[in-house]
Amino acid sequence: MKESGARPLDHLTTRPHPLGITCGDPAGIGPEIILKALDRMPRLRPRIIGPRDVFEREQKRFGTRVDLSLVDDSVEGPGRYQYGKPQESCGCTALLALETGVYRLLKKQISALVTAPVSKEALRMAGFGWPGQTEFLAERLGSRRHAMLAWTPKFKVVFVTIHEPLARVCRHITAAAVVEKVVLLNQFLRSSGVRRPRICVMAFNPHAAEFSLGEERRIAVGVTRARKAGINAIGPVPADAAVASVTRFLSFDGYVAMYHDQAMIPAKLLGRDRGVNLTLGLGCVRTSPLHGVAFDIAGKGVASAGSMLSAIRLARRLSRTSSR
């Protein structure tokens, strides 16, 4: 983290605790969607964490009108890079931005953190040793219990496992893991104004117990423990039936999925470019767009800022609620 010699940050905002936004991978769409989102929110004065030269170049390319004095230029840029491919230099910049964002959170210099998409391959080239940003932030912020929540206006789902090969998922499905995620989701929903959340816990196998090798029994034990703690949870419910309930009168307030795609496919379909990745259990607010670096369209100016807008708005709303 390039703290020494960094320019003073007092000019960035008159608010004592602005929102922080990390740049993500410069070779992806992160800087583009940050600028597009902030162009539509001219009154917002966040701290943009990333290299100033990257944002200056992107602003010139795409014609946005964001005040670049908001850029916290304490992160070294990648130098020359190519759009649309993982590169070590871009991974280093993305990682430095994440580290700086965590530092700002710990020092209470920002009220919440919004992270732009990163390339896991580029991060690994840079020496990143975590499966994803969620696990990295949990370790850096000292969170023993955390959960990834895919948030959309109509569908909110947490993951029991996140970045695991499907062949290994079943070994991580335990009663303790299930009840932990149910508790975190219940706490979030209650803090969001739902008095007694109704939570649906998905099964792991097709038709639930009909094709189970013991996973559904462990899920059921977790649900039973959650219910004994006063949480209104049911399950295991076959995943197709659970997702179908979203569009019917039986819709639940929140869902618990067993693995990544079981949650992300319906979240992205139902989110309609408004989905947000929200990390629970960190002790602070962190959001991110519910999509990746989109290398295939990087640098073309066609990326939608919808999910980034939703991530920024949700972070602002939640940070205001948590500060009361």
Protein backbone atom coordinates (compact mmCIF):
# COMPACT_ATOMS: atom_id res chain seq x y z
CA MET A 1 0.00 0.00 0.00
CA LYS A 2 1.57 3.28 -1.09
CA GLU A 3 0.89 5.43 1.98
CA SER A 4 4.16 7.34 2.11
CA GLY A 5 4.26 10.23 -0.30
CA ALA A 6 0.55 9.94 -1.11
CA ARG A 7 -1.23 13.23 -1.72
CA PRO A 8 -3.41 14.63 1.10
CA LEU A 9 -6.94 13.25 1.16
CA ASP A 10 -8.71 16.14 2.94
CA HIS A 11 -9.85 17.60 -0.37
CA LEU A 12 -11.78 14.49 -1.35
CA THR A 13 -14.99 15.24 0.50
CA THR A 14 -16.52 17.40 3.18
CA ARG A 15 -18.27 14.37 4.68
CA PRO A 16 -16.35 12.74 7.55
CA HIS A 17 -16.98 9.18 6.35
CA PRO A 18 -17.47 8.94 2.58
CA LEU A 19 -18.23 5.77 0.71
CA GLY A 20 -15.17 3.93 -0.64
CA ILE A 21 -15.13 2.36 -4.11
CA THR A 22 -12.22 0.18 -5.26
CA CYS A 23 -11.23 0.21 -8.92
CA GLY A 24 -11.27 -3.53 -9.58
CA ASP A 25 -9.23 -4.93 -12.47
CA PRO A 26 -8.25 -2.09 -14.85
CA ALA A 27 -8.36 -4.49 -17.81
CA GLY A 28 -12.02 -5.23 -17.11
CA ILE A 29 -15.11 -3.03 -16.92
CA GLY A 30 -14.63 -1.91 -13.30
CA PRO A 31 -13.34 1.66 -13.89
CA GLU A 32 -15.87 2.13 -16.71
CA ILE A 33 -18.92 1.23 -14.65
CA ILE A 34 -17.67 3.24 -11.67
CA LEU A 35 -17.47 6.36 -13.82
CA LYS A 36 -20.81 5.67 -15.51
CA ALA A 37 -22.52 5.12 -12.16
CA LEU A 38 -21.06 8.23 -10.54
CA ASP A 39 -21.91 10.27 -13.65
CA ARG A 40 -25.53 9.54 -12.79
CA MET A 41 -25.03 10.46 -9.11
CA PRO A 42 -23.31 13.88 -9.32
CA ARG A 43 -24.04 14.79 -5.70
CA LEU A 44 -22.31 11.71 -4.32
CA ARG A 45 -18.76 12.37 -3.10
CA PRO A 46 -17.17 8.96 -2.60
CA ARG A 47 -13.51 8.07 -2.24
CA ILE A 48 -12.49 6.27 -5.43
CA ILE A 49 -9.61 3.94 -4.58
CA GLY A 50 -7.40 3.35 -7.58
CA PRO A 51 -4.83 4.94 -9.90
CA ARG A 52 -5.79 8.42 -11.12
CA ASP A 53 -4.26 7.82 -14.57
CA VAL A 54 -6.56 4.83 -15.16
CA PHE A 55 -9.66 6.90 -14.41
CA GLU A 56 -8.41 9.87 -16.41
CA ARG A 57 -7.93 7.62 -19.44
CA GLU A 58 -11.34 5.97 -19.01
CA GLN A 59 -13.11 9.29 -18.52
CA LYS A 60 -11.58 10.63 -21.74
CA ARG A 61 -12.60 7.48 -23.63
CA PHE A 62 -16.20 7.36 -22.44
CA GLY A 63 -17.04 11.05 -21.98
CA THR A 64 -18.17 10.91 -18.37
CA ARG A 65 -17.98 14.02 -16.17
CA VAL A 66 -16.92 12.69 -12.77
CA ASP A 67 -14.83 14.93 -10.50
CA LEU A 68 -11.53 13.05 -10.51
CA SER A 69 -10.31 14.91 -7.44
CA LEU A 70 -12.33 12.19 -5.69
CA VAL A 71 -9.70 9.62 -6.66
CA ASP A 72 -7.61 8.43 -3.70
CA ASP A 73 -4.45 8.14 -5.77
CA SER A 74 -2.50 6.03 -3.28
CA VAL A 75 -2.61 2.89 -5.44
CA GLU A 76 0.08 2.38 -8.05
CA GLY A 77 -1.18 1.91 -11.58
CA PRO A 78 -0.46 -1.13 -13.75
CA GLY A 79 1.48 0.79 -16.38
CA ARG A 80 0.71 -0.39 -19.90
CA TYR A 81 -1.93 -3.10 -20.12
CA GLN A 82 -4.40 -4.64 -22.54
CA TYR A 83 -8.14 -4.67 -22.13
CA GLY A 84 -9.84 -8.01 -21.89
CA LYS A 85 -7.18 -10.35 -20.51
CA PRO A 86 -5.78 -11.27 -17.09
CA GLN A 87 -2.41 -9.65 -16.41
CA GLU A 88 -0.19 -9.69 -13.33
CA SER A 89 0.18 -5.91 -13.31
CA CYS A 90 -3.59 -5.41 -13.28
CA GLY A 91 -3.95 -8.06 -10.58
CA CYS A 92 -1.42 -6.15 -8.46
CA THR A 93 -3.38 -2.91 -8.88
CA ALA A 94 -6.68 -4.60 -7.98
CA LEU A 95 -5.10 -6.20 -4.91
CA LEU A 96 -3.52 -2.92 -3.76
CA ALA A 97 -6.90 -1.22 -4.11
CA LEU A 98 -8.52 -3.93 -1.97
CA GLU A 99 -5.81 -3.64 0.68
CA THR A 100 -6.21 0.13 0.70
CA GLY A 101 -9.97 -0.19 1.00
CA VAL A 102 -9.60 -2.47 4.04
CA TYR A 103 -7.13 -0.03 5.57
CA ARG A 104 -9.56 2.87 5.08
CA LEU A 105 -12.35 0.80 6.68
CA LEU A 106 -10.23 -0.13 9.70
CA LYS A 107 -9.16 3.49 10.14
CA LYS A 108 -12.83 4.55 9.81
CA GLN A 109 -11.92 6.82 6.92
CA ILE A 110 -14.79 5.42 4.85
CA SER A 111 -18.28 4.39 5.91
CA ALA A 112 -18.64 1.38 3.60
CA LEU A 113 -16.79 -0.34 0.78
CA VAL A 114 -17.99 -1.05 -2.76
CA THR A 115 -15.63 -3.30 -4.71
CA ALA A 116 -15.55 -3.33 -8.50
CA PRO A 117 -15.11 -6.71 -10.27
CA VAL A 118 -11.74 -8.43 -10.20
CA SER A 119 -10.17 -11.23 -12.21
CA LYS A 120 -9.33 -14.13 -9.92
CA GLU A 121 -6.75 -15.33 -12.43
CA ALA A 122 -5.01 -11.93 -12.44
CA LEU A 123 -5.14 -11.80 -8.64
CA ARG A 124 -3.51 -15.21 -8.42
CA MET A 125 -0.76 -13.96 -10.75
CA ALA A 126 -0.24 -11.16 -8.21
CA GLY A 127 0.10 -13.64 -5.34
CA PHE A 128 -3.48 -13.54 -4.07
CA GLY A 129 -4.08 -16.57 -1.85
CA TRP A 130 -7.85 -16.47 -1.25
CA PRO A 131 -10.68 -17.99 -3.33
CA GLY A 132 -12.30 -14.57 -3.79
CA GLN A 133 -12.81 -11.09 -2.41
CA THR A 134 -15.36 -12.32 0.15
CA GLU A 135 -12.87 -14.64 1.85
CA PHE A 136 -10.10 -12.05 1.64
CA LEU A 137 -12.21 -9.36 3.32
CA ALA A 138 -13.43 -11.75 6.00
CA GLU A 139 -9.85 -12.64 6.98
CA ARG A 140 -8.54 -9.09 6.80
CA LEU A 141 -11.43 -7.76 8.89
CA GLY A 142 -11.29 -10.60 11.43
CA SER A 143 -14.68 -12.11 10.64
CA ARG A 144 -15.08 -15.70 11.86
CA ARG A 145 -18.64 -16.01 10.60
CA HIS A 146 -19.53 -14.47 7.28
CA ALA A 147 -21.73 -15.15 4.28
CA MET A 148 -22.04 -14.05 0.69
CA LEU A 149 -25.51 -12.71 -0.05
CA ALA A 150 -26.74 -12.27 -3.62
CA TRP A 151 -29.20 -9.39 -3.19
CA THR A 152 -31.92 -8.46 -5.66
CA PRO A 153 -35.17 -6.58 -5.02
CA LYS A 154 -37.20 -9.82 -5.07
CA PHE A 155 -34.69 -12.58 -4.34
CA LYS A 156 -32.11 -12.63 -1.54
CA VAL A 157 -29.96 -15.74 -1.15
CA VAL A 158 -26.88 -16.68 0.87
CA PHE A 159 -24.41 -19.42 0.02
CA VAL A 160 -23.34 -22.30 2.27
CA THR A 161 -20.35 -22.82 -0.04
CA ILE A 162 -19.02 -20.26 -2.51
CA HIS A 163 -15.97 -20.95 -4.67
CA GLU A 164 -15.72 -24.72 -4.42
CA PRO A 165 -15.52 -27.30 -7.23
CA LEU A 166 -18.81 -29.16 -7.36
CA ALA A 167 -17.07 -32.44 -6.55
CA ARG A 168 -16.05 -31.01 -3.17
CA VAL A 169 -19.21 -29.15 -2.23
CA CYS A 170 -20.90 -32.02 -0.39
CA ARG A 171 -18.11 -32.34 2.18
CA HIS A 172 -18.65 -28.72 3.22
CA ILE A 173 -22.40 -29.08 3.74
CA THR A 174 -22.72 -29.52 7.49
CA ALA A 175 -25.46 -28.75 9.98
CA ALA A 176 -23.21 -26.11 11.57
CA ALA A 177 -22.57 -24.39 8.23
CA VAL A 178 -26.27 -24.37 7.39
CA VAL A 179 -27.39 -22.90 10.69
CA GLU A 180 -24.61 -20.29 10.57
CA LYS A 181 -25.81 -18.99 7.20
CA VAL A 182 -29.46 -19.09 8.26
CA VAL A 183 -28.66 -17.02 11.35
CA LEU A 184 -26.69 -14.42 9.37
CA LEU A 185 -29.46 -14.14 6.77
CA ASN A 186 -32.12 -13.84 9.47
CA GLN A 187 -30.16 -11.05 11.17
CA PHE A 188 -29.80 -9.16 7.90
CA LEU A 189 -33.48 -9.47 7.01
CA ARG A 190 -34.55 -8.32 10.47
CA SER A 191 -32.22 -5.33 10.27
CA SER A 192 -33.79 -4.56 6.89
CA GLY A 193 -37.23 -4.27 8.49
CA VAL A 194 -38.67 -7.79 8.14
CA ARG A 195 -40.13 -8.61 11.56
CA ARG A 196 -40.08 -12.40 11.32
CA PRO A 197 -38.35 -13.47 8.14
CA ARG A 198 -39.48 -16.61 6.33
CA ILE A 199 -36.36 -18.44 5.15
CA CYS A 200 -36.26 -21.28 2.63
CA VAL A 201 -33.24 -23.61 2.80
CA MET A 202 -32.56 -25.37 -0.49
CA ALA A 203 -31.72 -29.04 -0.85
CA PHE A 204 -28.43 -30.13 -2.42
CA ASN A 205 -29.67 -33.00 -4.58
CA PRO A 206 -32.44 -33.31 -7.18
CA HIS A 207 -35.79 -33.97 -5.47
CA ALA A 208 -34.03 -33.44 -2.10
CA ALA A 209 -33.84 -36.63 -0.01
CA GLU A 210 -34.89 -38.89 -2.90
CA PHE A 211 -31.34 -38.88 -4.35
CA SER A 212 -29.40 -37.87 -1.26
CA LEU A 213 -26.17 -39.40 0.00
CA GLY A 214 -26.68 -37.90 3.43
CA GLU A 215 -26.45 -34.19 2.61
CA GLU A 216 -30.16 -33.55 3.10
CA ARG A 217 -30.07 -35.11 6.57
CA ARG A 218 -27.33 -32.68 7.59
CA ILE A 219 -29.24 -29.77 6.06
CA ALA A 220 -32.36 -30.80 7.98
CA VAL A 221 -30.42 -30.89 11.26
CA GLY A 222 -29.20 -27.35 10.58
CA VAL A 223 -32.74 -26.17 9.86
CA THR A 224 -34.00 -27.81 13.07
CA ARG A 225 -31.33 -26.04 15.10
CA ALA A 226 -32.26 -22.72 13.49
CA ARG A 227 -35.93 -23.27 14.29
CA LYS A 228 -35.08 -24.07 17.92
CA ALA A 229 -33.32 -20.70 18.02
CA GLY A 230 -36.57 -19.03 17.02
CA ILE A 231 -35.91 -18.60 13.29
CA ASN A 232 -38.74 -19.28 10.86
CA ALA A 233 -36.85 -21.55 8.45
CA ILE A 234 -37.97 -24.55 6.43
CA GLY A 235 -36.05 -27.09 4.39
CA PRO A 236 -34.46 -28.80 2.70
CA VAL A 237 -36.68 -27.75 -0.21
CA PRO A 238 -35.81 -28.92 -3.76
CA ALA A 239 -34.00 -26.02 -5.42
CA ASP A 240 -36.31 -25.85 -8.43
CA ALA A 241 -39.37 -25.59 -6.20
CA ALA A 242 -37.64 -23.00 -4.02
CA VAL A 243 -36.82 -20.74 -6.96
CA ALA A 244 -40.28 -21.23 -8.47
CA SER A 245 -41.76 -19.89 -5.23
CA VAL A 246 -40.22 -16.46 -5.91
CA THR A 247 -42.84 -15.70 -8.54
CA ARG A 248 -45.74 -17.08 -6.52
CA PHE A 249 -47.65 -16.02 -3.45
CA LEU A 250 -45.57 -18.43 -1.33
CA SER A 251 -42.42 -16.36 -1.86
CA PHE A 252 -39.98 -16.32 1.06
CA ASP A 253 -38.08 -13.35 2.46
CA GLY A 254 -34.74 -15.07 1.98
CA TYR A 255 -33.14 -18.26 0.70
CA VAL A 256 -30.11 -20.38 1.60
CA ALA A 257 -28.39 -22.18 -1.29
CA MET A 258 -25.83 -24.95 -1.00
CA TYR A 259 -23.46 -23.86 -3.77
CA HIS A 260 -22.54 -20.98 -6.05
CA ASP A 261 -24.56 -21.57 -9.21
CA GLN A 262 -27.62 -22.77 -7.30
CA ALA A 263 -27.86 -19.20 -6.03
CA MET A 264 -26.27 -17.10 -8.77
CA ILE A 265 -28.25 -18.35 -11.75
CA PRO A 266 -31.66 -17.35 -10.34
CA ALA A 267 -30.21 -14.19 -8.74
CA LYS A 268 -28.85 -12.94 -12.06
CA LEU A 269 -32.00 -13.87 -13.94
CA LEU A 270 -34.29 -12.26 -11.37
CA GLY A 271 -32.02 -9.31 -10.64
CA ARG A 272 -32.34 -7.85 -14.14
CA ASP A 273 -29.12 -5.82 -13.90
CA ARG A 274 -29.92 -4.71 -10.34
CA GLY A 275 -28.20 -7.53 -8.44
CA VAL A 276 -25.68 -6.85 -5.68
CA ASN A 277 -23.11 -9.02 -3.93
CA LEU A 278 -23.30 -8.20 -0.21
CA THR A 279 -21.02 -9.71 2.43
CA LEU A 280 -22.67 -10.42 5.79
CA GLY A 281 -20.84 -10.73 9.10
CA LEU A 282 -17.93 -8.36 8.43
CA GLY A 283 -18.95 -5.77 11.02
CA CYS A 284 -19.08 -3.20 8.20
CA VAL A 285 -20.84 -2.77 4.87
CA ARG A 286 -19.31 -4.23 1.71
CA THR A 287 -21.12 -4.54 -1.60
CA SER A 288 -20.13 -5.32 -5.17
CA PRO A 289 -21.87 -5.66 -8.54
CA LEU A 290 -23.31 -9.11 -9.08
CA HIS A 291 -21.17 -9.78 -12.14
CA GLY A 292 -17.54 -10.18 -13.14
CA VAL A 293 -14.90 -8.28 -15.10
CA ALA A 294 -16.60 -8.94 -18.48
CA PHE A 295 -13.31 -9.14 -20.37
CA ASP A 296 -15.23 -9.73 -23.61
CA ILE A 297 -16.61 -6.17 -23.63
CA ALA A 298 -13.90 -4.36 -21.65
CA GLY A 299 -12.81 -1.07 -23.21
CA LYS A 300 -15.74 -0.95 -25.65
CA GLY A 301 -17.89 1.46 -23.66
CA VAL A 302 -20.96 -0.80 -23.77
CA ALA A 303 -20.94 -2.09 -20.17
CA SER A 304 -24.06 -1.41 -18.12
CA ALA A 305 -23.58 0.38 -14.81
CA GLY A 306 -26.89 -0.91 -13.43
CA SER A 307 -25.47 -3.41 -10.96
CA MET A 308 -22.78 -0.93 -9.81
CA LEU A 309 -25.46 1.69 -9.23
CA SER A 310 -27.43 -0.79 -7.13
CA ALA A 311 -24.29 -1.73 -5.17
CA ILE A 312 -23.54 1.91 -4.39
CA ARG A 313 -27.12 2.71 -3.40
CA LEU A 314 -27.42 -0.38 -1.19
CA ALA A 315 -24.09 0.39 0.52
CA ARG A 316 -25.21 3.95 1.24
CA ARG A 317 -28.53 2.80 2.65
CA LEU A 318 -27.06 0.06 4.82
CA SER A 319 -24.24 2.24 6.15
CA ARG A 320 -26.77 4.88 7.20
CA THR A 321 -28.84 2.22 8.98
CA SER A 322 -25.85 0.68 10.77
CA SER A 323 -24.60 4.07 11.97
CA ARG A 324 -27.83 4.89 13.80
